[in-house]
Amino acid sequence: MSDEMPTGDSAGDVAARVVSSAAQDIGSFIKSQREAAQVSLRQLSQLAGVSNPYLSQIERGLRKPSAEVLGQIAKGLRVSAEVLYMRAGFLEDRPASPVRDALLSDTSVTERQKQVLLEIYESFRRENNPRLDPQPEKENQE
């Protein structure tokens, strides 16, 4: 057996399948969140300010939404935009944290307030444990 791609699979074909898979993943995730919230497709499209057909295409994995549209959908679902961004591949997944999870799920705090609180929390964690800092400053370097 060879590790080469099967005949007929170009790099473009592979990339298209990866994008399609990501679109289906985020679409199915949005649909499951919508159903869990007991919100109809039409209601979410109105809350998010996107057309009903476009939202349907996103949920079925036919379209991959932009970060802006994901933010609108997150607001309509009252979930963290960060969660949708990670699922769609716009943000890197971070290690699980009960504090982070609780903050992101709190619907009484705006998205901007959540981001500020998370930045403060992460800065305290880095201050108390410098090993958490991905790029620690070099001391006494001139």
C-alpha atoms as a PDB file:
ATOM      1  CA  MET A   1       0.000   0.000   0.000  1.00  0.00           C
ATOM      2  CA  SER A   2       1.068   3.521  -0.707  1.00  0.00           C
ATOM      3  CA  ASP A   3       0.619   6.654   1.403  1.00  0.00           C
ATOM      4  CA  GLU A   4      -0.176   8.685  -1.702  1.00  0.00           C
ATOM      5  CA  MET A   5      -3.597  10.182  -2.283  1.00  0.00           C
ATOM      6  CA  PRO A   6      -5.930   8.035  -4.385  1.00  0.00           C
ATOM      7  CA  THR A   7      -6.020   8.856  -8.082  1.00  0.00           C
ATOM      8  CA  GLY A   8      -8.280  11.787  -8.846  1.00  0.00           C
ATOM      9  CA  ASP A   9      -7.843  13.482  -5.448  1.00  0.00           C
ATOM     10  CA  SER A  10      -6.124  16.805  -5.945  1.00  0.00           C
ATOM     11  CA  ALA A  11      -5.077  19.090  -3.116  1.00  0.00           C
ATOM     12  CA  GLY A  12      -8.104  21.235  -3.993  1.00  0.00           C
ATOM     13  CA  ASP A  13     -10.437  18.242  -3.602  1.00  0.00           C
ATOM     14  CA  VAL A  14      -8.963  17.439  -0.195  1.00  0.00           C
ATOM     15  CA  ALA A  15      -9.245  21.072   0.920  1.00  0.00           C
ATOM     16  CA  ALA A  16     -12.856  21.210  -0.264  1.00  0.00           C
ATOM     17  CA  ARG A  17     -13.683  18.094   1.778  1.00  0.00           C
ATOM     18  CA  VAL A  18     -12.038  19.579   4.882  1.00  0.00           C
ATOM     19  CA  VAL A  19     -14.028  22.832   4.512  1.00  0.00           C
ATOM     20  CA  SER A  20     -17.215  20.850   3.893  1.00  0.00           C
ATOM     21  CA  SER A  21     -16.580  18.742   6.998  1.00  0.00           C
ATOM     22  CA  ALA A  22     -15.975  21.873   9.107  1.00  0.00           C
ATOM     23  CA  ALA A  23     -19.152  23.462   7.734  1.00  0.00           C
ATOM     24  CA  GLN A  24     -21.177  20.358   8.596  1.00  0.00           C
ATOM     25  CA  ASP A  25     -19.668  20.265  12.091  1.00  0.00           C
ATOM     26  CA  ILE A  26     -20.496  23.889  12.904  1.00  0.00           C
ATOM     27  CA  GLY A  27     -23.884  23.547  11.226  1.00  0.00           C
ATOM     28  CA  SER A  28     -24.868  20.487  13.223  1.00  0.00           C
ATOM     29  CA  PHE A  29     -23.575  22.136  16.399  1.00  0.00           C
ATOM     30  CA  ILE A  30     -25.682  25.257  15.764  1.00  0.00           C
ATOM     31  CA  LYS A  31     -28.721  23.092  15.038  1.00  0.00           C
ATOM     32  CA  SER A  32     -28.262  21.100  18.258  1.00  0.00           C
ATOM     33  CA  GLN A  33     -27.864  24.329  20.270  1.00  0.00           C
ATOM     34  CA  ARG A  34     -30.977  25.788  18.622  1.00  0.00           C
ATOM     35  CA  GLU A  35     -33.009  22.671  19.352  1.00  0.00           C
ATOM     36  CA  ALA A  36     -31.763  22.540  22.955  1.00  0.00           C
ATOM     37  CA  ALA A  37     -32.874  26.148  23.376  1.00  0.00           C
ATOM     38  CA  GLN A  38     -36.239  25.221  21.828  1.00  0.00           C
ATOM     39  CA  VAL A  39     -35.930  27.932  19.208  1.00  0.00           C
ATOM     40  CA  SER A  40     -37.280  27.428  15.699  1.00  0.00           C
ATOM     41  CA  LEU A  41     -35.141  28.038  12.635  1.00  0.00           C
ATOM     42  CA  ARG A  42     -37.313  31.034  11.759  1.00  0.00           C
ATOM     43  CA  GLN A  43     -37.007  32.488  15.273  1.00  0.00           C
ATOM     44  CA  LEU A  44     -33.219  32.129  15.273  1.00  0.00           C
ATOM     45  CA  SER A  45     -32.950  33.711  11.832  1.00  0.00           C
ATOM     46  CA  GLN A  46     -34.872  36.728  13.147  1.00  0.00           C
ATOM     47  CA  LEU A  47     -32.853  36.904  16.382  1.00  0.00           C
ATOM     48  CA  ALA A  48     -29.555  36.604  14.518  1.00  0.00           C
ATOM     49  CA  GLY A  49     -30.520  38.907  11.665  1.00  0.00           C
ATOM     50  CA  VAL A  50     -29.739  36.352   8.935  1.00  0.00           C
ATOM     51  CA  SER A  51     -32.103  34.988   6.345  1.00  0.00           C
ATOM     52  CA  ASN A  52     -34.016  31.805   7.041  1.00  0.00           C
ATOM     53  CA  PRO A  53     -32.674  30.023   3.895  1.00  0.00           C
ATOM     54  CA  TYR A  54     -29.070  30.999   4.701  1.00  0.00           C
ATOM     55  CA  LEU A  55     -29.354  29.729   8.289  1.00  0.00           C
ATOM     56  CA  SER A  56     -30.869  26.496   6.992  1.00  0.00           C
ATOM     57  CA  GLN A  57     -27.923  26.069   4.606  1.00  0.00           C
ATOM     58  CA  ILE A  58     -25.483  26.648   7.493  1.00  0.00           C
ATOM     59  CA  GLU A  59     -27.206  24.018   9.636  1.00  0.00           C
ATOM     60  CA  ARG A  60     -27.139  21.501   6.779  1.00  0.00           C
ATOM     61  CA  GLY A  61     -23.421  22.101   6.216  1.00  0.00           C
ATOM     62  CA  LEU A  62     -23.878  23.666   2.776  1.00  0.00           C
ATOM     63  CA  ARG A  63     -22.405  27.018   3.841  1.00  0.00           C
ATOM     64  CA  LYS A  64     -19.638  27.933   6.270  1.00  0.00           C
ATOM     65  CA  PRO A  65     -20.575  31.178   8.031  1.00  0.00           C
ATOM     66  CA  SER A  66     -18.199  34.073   8.536  1.00  0.00           C
ATOM     67  CA  ALA A  67     -17.030  35.061  12.002  1.00  0.00           C
ATOM     68  CA  GLU A  68     -19.482  37.973  11.915  1.00  0.00           C
ATOM     69  CA  VAL A  69     -22.455  35.728  11.146  1.00  0.00           C
ATOM     70  CA  LEU A  70     -21.331  33.280  13.843  1.00  0.00           C
ATOM     71  CA  GLY A  71     -21.299  36.165  16.317  1.00  0.00           C
ATOM     72  CA  GLN A  72     -24.866  37.075  15.327  1.00  0.00           C
ATOM     73  CA  ILE A  73     -25.998  33.451  15.668  1.00  0.00           C
ATOM     74  CA  ALA A  74     -24.298  33.184  19.070  1.00  0.00           C
ATOM     75  CA  LYS A  75     -26.117  36.288  20.230  1.00  0.00           C
ATOM     76  CA  GLY A  76     -29.422  34.865  18.952  1.00  0.00           C
ATOM     77  CA  LEU A  77     -28.796  31.571  20.760  1.00  0.00           C
ATOM     78  CA  ARG A  78     -27.476  33.359  23.853  1.00  0.00           C
ATOM     79  CA  VAL A  79     -24.290  31.312  23.792  1.00  0.00           C
ATOM     80  CA  SER A  80     -20.700  32.428  23.755  1.00  0.00           C
ATOM     81  CA  ALA A  81     -19.419  33.487  20.361  1.00  0.00           C
ATOM     82  CA  GLU A  82     -16.070  32.017  21.413  1.00  0.00           C
ATOM     83  CA  VAL A  83     -17.597  28.523  21.520  1.00  0.00           C
ATOM     84  CA  LEU A  84     -18.891  28.895  17.962  1.00  0.00           C
ATOM     85  CA  TYR A  85     -15.583  30.389  16.781  1.00  0.00           C
ATOM     86  CA  MET A  86     -13.692  27.401  18.194  1.00  0.00           C
ATOM     87  CA  ARG A  87     -16.108  24.906  16.638  1.00  0.00           C
ATOM     88  CA  ALA A  88     -15.753  26.650  13.275  1.00  0.00           C
ATOM     89  CA  GLY A  89     -11.960  26.725  13.518  1.00  0.00           C
ATOM     90  CA  PHE A  90     -11.597  30.502  13.874  1.00  0.00           C
ATOM     91  CA  LEU A  91     -10.076  30.194  17.364  1.00  0.00           C
ATOM     92  CA  GLU A  92      -7.706  27.713  18.916  1.00  0.00           C
ATOM     93  CA  ASP A  93      -9.253  25.398  21.480  1.00  0.00           C
ATOM     94  CA  ARG A  94      -8.128  26.187  25.016  1.00  0.00           C
ATOM     95  CA  PRO A  95      -7.790  23.793  27.963  1.00  0.00           C
ATOM     96  CA  ALA A  96     -10.984  23.222  29.925  1.00  0.00           C
ATOM     97  CA  SER A  97     -11.506  25.512  32.894  1.00  0.00           C
ATOM     98  CA  PRO A  98     -14.544  25.540  35.212  1.00  0.00           C
ATOM     99  CA  VAL A  99     -14.178  29.305  35.653  1.00  0.00           C
ATOM    100  CA  ARG A 100     -14.012  29.890  31.897  1.00  0.00           C
ATOM    101  CA  ASP A 101     -16.963  27.554  31.248  1.00  0.00           C
ATOM    102  CA  ALA A 102     -19.098  29.227  33.923  1.00  0.00           C
ATOM    103  CA  LEU A 103     -18.312  32.691  32.626  1.00  0.00           C
ATOM    104  CA  LEU A 104     -18.985  31.788  28.994  1.00  0.00           C
ATOM    105  CA  SER A 105     -22.342  30.251  29.862  1.00  0.00           C
ATOM    106  CA  ASP A 106     -23.524  33.261  31.914  1.00  0.00           C
ATOM    107  CA  THR A 107     -26.222  35.011  29.885  1.00  0.00           C
ATOM    108  CA  SER A 108     -26.336  38.071  32.160  1.00  0.00           C
ATOM    109  CA  VAL A 109     -22.894  39.242  30.976  1.00  0.00           C
ATOM    110  CA  THR A 110     -22.270  40.673  27.508  1.00  0.00           C
ATOM    111  CA  GLU A 111     -19.781  39.113  25.094  1.00  0.00           C
ATOM    112  CA  ARG A 112     -17.426  42.074  25.528  1.00  0.00           C
ATOM    113  CA  GLN A 113     -17.625  41.843  29.332  1.00  0.00           C
ATOM    114  CA  LYS A 114     -16.903  38.100  29.135  1.00  0.00           C
ATOM    115  CA  GLN A 115     -13.796  38.738  27.035  1.00  0.00           C
ATOM    116  CA  VAL A 116     -12.509  41.388  29.458  1.00  0.00           C
ATOM    117  CA  LEU A 117     -13.118  39.144  32.468  1.00  0.00           C
ATOM    118  CA  LEU A 118     -11.389  36.225  30.735  1.00  0.00           C
ATOM    119  CA  GLU A 119      -8.376  38.408  29.918  1.00  0.00           C
ATOM    120  CA  ILE A 120      -8.125  39.509  33.559  1.00  0.00           C
ATOM    121  CA  TYR A 121      -8.505  35.920  34.769  1.00  0.00           C
ATOM    122  CA  GLU A 122      -5.801  34.678  32.380  1.00  0.00           C
ATOM    123  CA  SER A 123      -3.446  37.488  33.424  1.00  0.00           C
ATOM    124  CA  PHE A 124      -3.855  36.525  37.098  1.00  0.00           C
ATOM    125  CA  ARG A 125      -3.188  32.868  36.240  1.00  0.00           C
ATOM    126  CA  ARG A 126      -0.005  33.791  34.346  1.00  0.00           C
ATOM    127  CA  GLU A 127       1.134  36.086  37.172  1.00  0.00           C
ATOM    128  CA  ASN A 128       0.696  33.310  39.740  1.00  0.00           C
ATOM    129  CA  ASN A 129       2.180  30.604  37.535  1.00  0.00           C
ATOM    130  CA  PRO A 130       4.666  31.939  34.944  1.00  0.00           C
ATOM    131  CA  ARG A 131       4.832  28.501  33.287  1.00  0.00           C
ATOM    132  CA  LEU A 132       1.345  29.186  31.888  1.00  0.00           C
ATOM    133  CA  ASP A 133       2.680  32.095  29.833  1.00  0.00           C
ATOM    134  CA  PRO A 134       3.316  30.827  26.290  1.00  0.00           C
ATOM    135  CA  GLN A 135       6.173  33.309  25.760  1.00  0.00           C
ATOM    136  CA  PRO A 136       7.731  34.374  29.067  1.00  0.00           C
ATOM    137  CA  GLU A 137       9.801  37.517  28.970  1.00  0.00           C
ATOM    138  CA  LYS A 138      13.549  37.087  28.999  1.00  0.00           C
ATOM    139  CA  GLU A 139      15.049  38.638  32.118  1.00  0.00           C
ATOM    140  CA  ASN A 140      17.932  41.105  32.036  1.00  0.00           C
ATOM    141  CA  GLN A 141      18.430  40.895  28.307  1.00  0.00           C
ATOM    142  CA  GLU A 142      19.927  43.998  26.755  1.00  0.00           C
END
